Amino acid sequence: ALNESTYTGQARYDASDPTGSATAAFLNAFHQMGLGEVTPIFTHEIPGYLAHGNLVITKLRYKCGEHPTDLLGIAESHHDLILCTVRACLDALNRRVALYCLDNSCPAEPNRISTE
């Protein structure tokens, strides 16, 4: 949700690459907001261990204007890999989107995008 608006994305589910499918659905929703273009570079799952749950690391290329920026995000989950992937994407993009909104006076407030 961003400024009380909810965006929904869809992508074909690939059981051999659930994090890739979740990233594609997230990007489908993100592009509806009109806050720039994002392309996935990679998404990687690190299985849980004694010290942590499953981790998802994502690298995205964000382009708004002429200069693309590569961004990293990470999230941890003990249960929901799809939600964890979305949170990793948000982790990568939230600060950059807030800076974009402040610098370019876009209509969206520079609040964090949430999964709620």
N, C-alpha and C. Protein backbone atom coordinates (compact mmCIF):
# COMPACT_ATOMS: atom_id res chain seq x y z
N ALA A 1 0.84 -1.17 0.00
CA ALA A 1 0.00 0.00 0.00
C ALA A 1 0.89 1.24 0.00
N LEU A 2 0.49 2.24 -0.75
CA LEU A 2 1.19 3.51 -0.80
C LEU A 2 0.14 4.60 -0.82
N ASN A 3 0.18 5.46 0.19
CA ASN A 3 -0.81 6.55 0.29
C ASN A 3 -2.24 6.04 0.20
N GLU A 4 -2.53 5.01 0.93
CA GLU A 4 -3.86 4.42 1.01
C GLU A 4 -4.33 3.78 -0.29
N SER A 5 -3.43 3.60 -1.24
CA SER A 5 -3.75 2.88 -2.47
C SER A 5 -3.13 1.49 -2.38
N THR A 6 -3.83 0.52 -2.90
CA THR A 6 -3.32 -0.85 -2.91
C THR A 6 -3.07 -1.26 -4.35
N TYR A 7 -1.91 -1.88 -4.57
CA TYR A 7 -1.52 -2.35 -5.89
C TYR A 7 -1.34 -3.86 -5.84
N THR A 8 -1.80 -4.54 -6.86
CA THR A 8 -1.72 -5.99 -6.91
C THR A 8 -0.99 -6.40 -8.19
N GLY A 9 -0.05 -7.32 -8.04
CA GLY A 9 0.68 -7.82 -9.19
C GLY A 9 0.48 -9.31 -9.36
N GLN A 10 0.57 -9.77 -10.57
CA GLN A 10 0.43 -11.19 -10.87
C GLN A 10 1.57 -11.64 -11.75
N ALA A 11 1.93 -12.89 -11.58
CA ALA A 11 2.94 -13.52 -12.44
C ALA A 11 2.69 -15.02 -12.42
N ARG A 12 3.13 -15.68 -13.44
CA ARG A 12 3.01 -17.14 -13.51
C ARG A 12 3.89 -17.74 -12.43
N TYR A 13 3.35 -18.71 -11.67
CA TYR A 13 4.11 -19.35 -10.60
C TYR A 13 4.97 -20.47 -11.19
N ASP A 14 6.24 -20.45 -10.87
CA ASP A 14 7.18 -21.47 -11.29
C ASP A 14 7.68 -22.18 -10.03
N ALA A 15 7.26 -23.41 -9.83
CA ALA A 15 7.63 -24.15 -8.61
C ALA A 15 9.14 -24.34 -8.49
N SER A 16 9.86 -24.30 -9.61
CA SER A 16 11.31 -24.45 -9.55
C SER A 16 12.01 -23.13 -9.19
N ASP A 17 11.27 -22.01 -9.22
CA ASP A 17 11.83 -20.70 -8.89
C ASP A 17 10.77 -19.82 -8.23
N PRO A 18 10.33 -20.19 -7.01
CA PRO A 18 9.26 -19.41 -6.37
C PRO A 18 9.67 -17.97 -6.05
N THR A 19 10.95 -17.73 -5.75
CA THR A 19 11.37 -16.35 -5.46
C THR A 19 11.35 -15.51 -6.74
N GLY A 20 11.70 -16.11 -7.86
CA GLY A 20 11.62 -15.40 -9.14
C GLY A 20 10.19 -15.05 -9.50
N SER A 21 9.27 -15.97 -9.22
CA SER A 21 7.85 -15.71 -9.48
C SER A 21 7.33 -14.59 -8.60
N ALA A 22 7.71 -14.62 -7.31
CA ALA A 22 7.27 -13.57 -6.38
C ALA A 22 7.85 -12.21 -6.78
N THR A 23 9.09 -12.19 -7.21
CA THR A 23 9.72 -10.94 -7.66
C THR A 23 8.99 -10.39 -8.87
N ALA A 24 8.65 -11.25 -9.82
CA ALA A 24 7.94 -10.82 -11.02
C ALA A 24 6.57 -10.23 -10.66
N ALA A 25 5.85 -10.86 -9.74
CA ALA A 25 4.54 -10.34 -9.32
C ALA A 25 4.70 -9.00 -8.60
N PHE A 26 5.73 -8.90 -7.75
CA PHE A 26 5.99 -7.64 -7.06
C PHE A 26 6.26 -6.52 -8.06
N LEU A 27 7.11 -6.80 -9.05
CA LEU A 27 7.45 -5.77 -10.03
C LEU A 27 6.25 -5.37 -10.87
N ASN A 28 5.36 -6.32 -11.13
CA ASN A 28 4.13 -6.00 -11.85
C ASN A 28 3.31 -4.98 -11.06
N ALA A 29 3.21 -5.16 -9.76
CA ALA A 29 2.48 -4.22 -8.92
C ALA A 29 3.24 -2.89 -8.81
N PHE A 30 4.54 -2.95 -8.63
CA PHE A 30 5.35 -1.74 -8.47
C PHE A 30 5.23 -0.82 -9.68
N HIS A 31 5.26 -1.37 -10.87
CA HIS A 31 5.22 -0.55 -12.08
C HIS A 31 3.88 0.18 -12.24
N GLN A 32 2.83 -0.32 -11.61
CA GLN A 32 1.53 0.35 -11.64
C GLN A 32 1.57 1.69 -10.90
N MET A 33 2.53 1.84 -9.99
CA MET A 33 2.63 3.07 -9.19
C MET A 33 3.26 4.22 -9.97
N GLY A 34 3.95 3.93 -11.05
CA GLY A 34 4.57 4.97 -11.86
C GLY A 34 5.74 5.66 -11.18
N LEU A 35 6.50 4.92 -10.39
CA LEU A 35 7.63 5.49 -9.66
C LEU A 35 8.98 5.12 -10.28
N GLY A 36 8.98 4.73 -11.53
CA GLY A 36 10.22 4.34 -12.19
C GLY A 36 10.16 2.90 -12.65
N GLU A 37 11.20 2.49 -13.35
CA GLU A 37 11.30 1.12 -13.88
C GLU A 37 12.27 0.31 -13.04
N VAL A 38 11.90 -0.92 -12.78
CA VAL A 38 12.75 -1.84 -12.01
C VAL A 38 12.88 -3.14 -12.79
N THR A 39 14.11 -3.62 -12.90
CA THR A 39 14.35 -4.93 -13.49
C THR A 39 15.11 -5.79 -12.48
N PRO A 40 14.76 -7.07 -12.40
CA PRO A 40 15.47 -7.94 -11.46
C PRO A 40 16.85 -8.31 -12.01
N ILE A 41 17.84 -8.33 -11.15
CA ILE A 41 19.16 -8.82 -11.52
C ILE A 41 19.32 -10.23 -10.99
N PHE A 42 19.04 -10.44 -9.71
CA PHE A 42 18.98 -11.79 -9.16
C PHE A 42 18.20 -11.81 -7.86
N THR A 43 17.70 -12.97 -7.54
CA THR A 43 17.06 -13.25 -6.26
C THR A 43 17.61 -14.58 -5.80
N HIS A 44 18.05 -14.64 -4.55
CA HIS A 44 18.68 -15.85 -4.04
C HIS A 44 18.13 -16.18 -2.66
N GLU A 45 17.82 -17.44 -2.45
CA GLU A 45 17.35 -17.89 -1.15
C GLU A 45 18.50 -18.59 -0.42
N ILE A 46 18.67 -18.23 0.84
CA ILE A 46 19.64 -18.89 1.71
C ILE A 46 18.84 -19.68 2.75
N PRO A 47 18.96 -21.00 2.75
CA PRO A 47 18.17 -21.81 3.68
C PRO A 47 18.46 -21.45 5.13
N GLY A 48 17.45 -21.64 5.98
CA GLY A 48 17.58 -21.35 7.40
C GLY A 48 18.65 -22.20 8.05
N TYR A 49 19.17 -21.67 9.13
CA TYR A 49 20.21 -22.33 9.90
C TYR A 49 19.92 -22.06 11.37
N LEU A 50 20.75 -22.49 12.25
CA LEU A 50 20.52 -22.30 13.67
C LEU A 50 20.34 -20.83 14.04
N ALA A 51 21.10 -19.95 13.43
CA ALA A 51 21.11 -18.54 13.80
C ALA A 51 20.06 -17.70 13.05
N HIS A 52 19.44 -18.23 12.00
CA HIS A 52 18.48 -17.44 11.23
C HIS A 52 17.50 -18.34 10.50
N GLY A 53 16.37 -17.73 10.13
CA GLY A 53 15.41 -18.42 9.28
C GLY A 53 15.85 -18.33 7.83
N ASN A 54 14.95 -18.67 6.92
CA ASN A 54 15.27 -18.53 5.50
C ASN A 54 15.51 -17.06 5.18
N LEU A 55 16.54 -16.79 4.41
CA LEU A 55 16.86 -15.43 3.98
C LEU A 55 16.65 -15.33 2.47
N VAL A 56 16.15 -14.21 2.03
CA VAL A 56 16.06 -13.92 0.60
C VAL A 56 16.83 -12.64 0.35
N ILE A 57 17.76 -12.71 -0.58
CA ILE A 57 18.53 -11.55 -1.01
C ILE A 57 18.13 -11.25 -2.44
N THR A 58 17.85 -10.00 -2.71
CA THR A 58 17.47 -9.62 -4.06
C THR A 58 18.29 -8.42 -4.51
N LYS A 59 18.61 -8.40 -5.78
CA LYS A 59 19.30 -7.26 -6.38
C LYS A 59 18.44 -6.78 -7.53
N LEU A 60 18.10 -5.51 -7.48
CA LEU A 60 17.22 -4.91 -8.48
C LEU A 60 17.90 -3.71 -9.11
N ARG A 61 17.60 -3.46 -10.36
CA ARG A 61 18.09 -2.25 -11.03
C ARG A 61 16.91 -1.28 -11.15
N TYR A 62 17.05 -0.15 -10.49
CA TYR A 62 16.01 0.88 -10.46
C TYR A 62 16.41 2.01 -11.38
N LYS A 63 15.52 2.36 -12.30
CA LYS A 63 15.81 3.45 -13.23
C LYS A 63 14.69 4.47 -13.18
N CYS A 64 15.09 5.65 -12.82
CA CYS A 64 14.17 6.78 -12.82
C CYS A 64 14.97 7.95 -13.37
N GLY A 65 14.68 8.35 -14.56
CA GLY A 65 15.51 9.35 -15.22
C GLY A 65 16.57 8.64 -16.05
N GLU A 66 17.74 9.22 -16.14
CA GLU A 66 18.78 8.69 -17.01
C GLU A 66 19.71 7.68 -16.37
N HIS A 67 19.84 7.70 -15.06
CA HIS A 67 20.88 6.90 -14.41
C HIS A 67 20.29 5.75 -13.59
N PRO A 68 20.49 4.51 -14.04
CA PRO A 68 20.01 3.37 -13.25
C PRO A 68 20.90 3.15 -12.02
N THR A 69 20.31 2.60 -10.98
CA THR A 69 21.01 2.30 -9.74
C THR A 69 20.72 0.86 -9.35
N ASP A 70 21.74 0.13 -8.99
CA ASP A 70 21.55 -1.24 -8.50
C ASP A 70 21.33 -1.20 -6.99
N LEU A 71 20.30 -1.90 -6.53
CA LEU A 71 19.91 -1.89 -5.13
C LEU A 71 19.83 -3.31 -4.59
N LEU A 72 20.28 -3.50 -3.35
CA LEU A 72 20.20 -4.79 -2.68
C LEU A 72 19.16 -4.74 -1.57
N GLY A 73 18.45 -5.85 -1.40
CA GLY A 73 17.50 -5.98 -0.30
C GLY A 73 17.60 -7.36 0.29
N ILE A 74 17.28 -7.46 1.58
CA ILE A 74 17.32 -8.75 2.27
C ILE A 74 16.14 -8.83 3.23
N ALA A 75 15.61 -10.02 3.40
CA ALA A 75 14.54 -10.26 4.35
C ALA A 75 14.68 -11.67 4.90
N GLU A 76 14.14 -11.87 6.10
CA GLU A 76 14.20 -13.17 6.77
C GLU A 76 12.78 -13.66 7.03
N SER A 77 12.58 -14.95 6.88
CA SER A 77 11.28 -15.55 7.14
C SER A 77 11.46 -16.96 7.69
N HIS A 78 10.57 -17.32 8.57
CA HIS A 78 10.56 -18.68 9.09
C HIS A 78 9.46 -19.52 8.43
N HIS A 79 8.55 -18.86 7.69
CA HIS A 79 7.40 -19.59 7.17
C HIS A 79 7.04 -19.30 5.72
N ASP A 80 6.99 -18.04 5.33
CA ASP A 80 6.40 -17.65 4.06
C ASP A 80 7.46 -17.10 3.10
N LEU A 81 7.94 -17.94 2.20
CA LEU A 81 9.00 -17.55 1.27
C LEU A 81 8.55 -16.47 0.29
N ILE A 82 7.29 -16.50 -0.13
CA ILE A 82 6.78 -15.52 -1.07
C ILE A 82 6.76 -14.13 -0.42
N LEU A 83 6.20 -14.04 0.79
CA LEU A 83 6.17 -12.76 1.51
C LEU A 83 7.59 -12.28 1.81
N CYS A 84 8.46 -13.19 2.15
CA CYS A 84 9.85 -12.84 2.41
C CYS A 84 10.49 -12.22 1.17
N THR A 85 10.20 -12.75 0.02
CA THR A 85 10.75 -12.22 -1.24
C THR A 85 10.24 -10.81 -1.50
N VAL A 86 8.95 -10.60 -1.28
CA VAL A 86 8.38 -9.26 -1.46
C VAL A 86 9.03 -8.27 -0.50
N ARG A 87 9.23 -8.69 0.74
CA ARG A 87 9.87 -7.80 1.72
C ARG A 87 11.31 -7.48 1.34
N ALA A 88 12.01 -8.43 0.74
CA ALA A 88 13.38 -8.17 0.27
C ALA A 88 13.36 -7.14 -0.86
N CYS A 89 12.38 -7.24 -1.75
CA CYS A 89 12.25 -6.24 -2.82
C CYS A 89 11.95 -4.86 -2.23
N LEU A 90 11.06 -4.82 -1.26
CA LEU A 90 10.75 -3.55 -0.60
C LEU A 90 11.96 -2.99 0.13
N ASP A 91 12.74 -3.87 0.75
CA ASP A 91 13.94 -3.43 1.45
C ASP A 91 14.89 -2.75 0.46
N ALA A 92 14.99 -3.29 -0.72
CA ALA A 92 15.87 -2.71 -1.74
C ALA A 92 15.35 -1.35 -2.22
N LEU A 93 14.06 -1.21 -2.37
CA LEU A 93 13.49 -0.04 -3.06
C LEU A 93 13.02 1.10 -2.16
N ASN A 94 12.63 0.82 -0.93
CA ASN A 94 11.96 1.84 -0.13
C ASN A 94 12.73 3.15 0.01
N ARG A 95 13.98 3.10 0.38
CA ARG A 95 14.73 4.34 0.57
C ARG A 95 14.90 5.09 -0.75
N ARG A 96 15.20 4.37 -1.82
CA ARG A 96 15.40 5.02 -3.12
C ARG A 96 14.11 5.66 -3.61
N VAL A 97 12.98 5.00 -3.44
CA VAL A 97 11.71 5.56 -3.87
C VAL A 97 11.39 6.81 -3.05
N ALA A 98 11.66 6.79 -1.75
CA ALA A 98 11.42 7.97 -0.92
C ALA A 98 12.29 9.13 -1.38
N LEU A 99 13.55 8.88 -1.72
CA LEU A 99 14.42 9.94 -2.22
C LEU A 99 13.93 10.47 -3.56
N TYR A 100 13.47 9.58 -4.42
CA TYR A 100 12.93 10.00 -5.71
C TYR A 100 11.74 10.93 -5.51
N CYS A 101 10.85 10.55 -4.62
CA CYS A 101 9.66 11.36 -4.38
C CYS A 101 10.02 12.74 -3.82
N LEU A 102 10.99 12.79 -2.94
CA LEU A 102 11.40 14.07 -2.38
C LEU A 102 12.07 14.95 -3.42
N ASP A 103 12.93 14.37 -4.24
CA ASP A 103 13.68 15.14 -5.23
C ASP A 103 12.82 15.60 -6.41
N ASN A 104 11.82 14.82 -6.76
CA ASN A 104 11.06 15.11 -7.97
C ASN A 104 9.63 15.56 -7.72
N SER A 105 9.28 15.77 -6.45
CA SER A 105 7.94 16.23 -6.09
C SER A 105 6.86 15.39 -6.75
N CYS A 106 7.03 14.10 -6.69
CA CYS A 106 6.02 13.22 -7.28
C CYS A 106 4.77 13.26 -6.41
N PRO A 107 3.63 12.86 -6.93
CA PRO A 107 2.39 12.98 -6.17
C PRO A 107 2.34 12.08 -4.95
N ALA A 108 3.14 11.05 -4.92
CA ALA A 108 3.11 10.14 -3.77
C ALA A 108 3.93 10.71 -2.63
N GLU A 109 3.44 10.59 -1.43
CA GLU A 109 4.22 10.98 -0.26
C GLU A 109 5.39 10.02 -0.12
N PRO A 110 6.51 10.46 0.43
CA PRO A 110 7.68 9.58 0.55
C PRO A 110 7.58 8.62 1.72
N ASN A 111 6.44 8.00 1.89
CA ASN A 111 6.26 7.01 2.94
C ASN A 111 6.75 5.67 2.45
N ARG A 112 7.06 4.80 3.39
CA ARG A 112 7.47 3.46 3.01
C ARG A 112 6.30 2.71 2.39
N ILE A 113 6.61 1.90 1.41
CA ILE A 113 5.60 1.03 0.81
C ILE A 113 5.51 -0.17 1.75
N SER A 114 4.32 -0.61 2.07
CA SER A 114 4.17 -1.71 3.00
C SER A 114 3.50 -2.90 2.34
N THR A 115 3.56 -4.04 3.02
CA THR A 115 2.93 -5.26 2.51
C THR A 115 1.57 -5.48 3.15
N GLU A 116 1.09 -4.52 3.89
CA GLU A 116 -0.21 -4.67 4.58
C GLU A 116 -1.35 -4.18 3.74
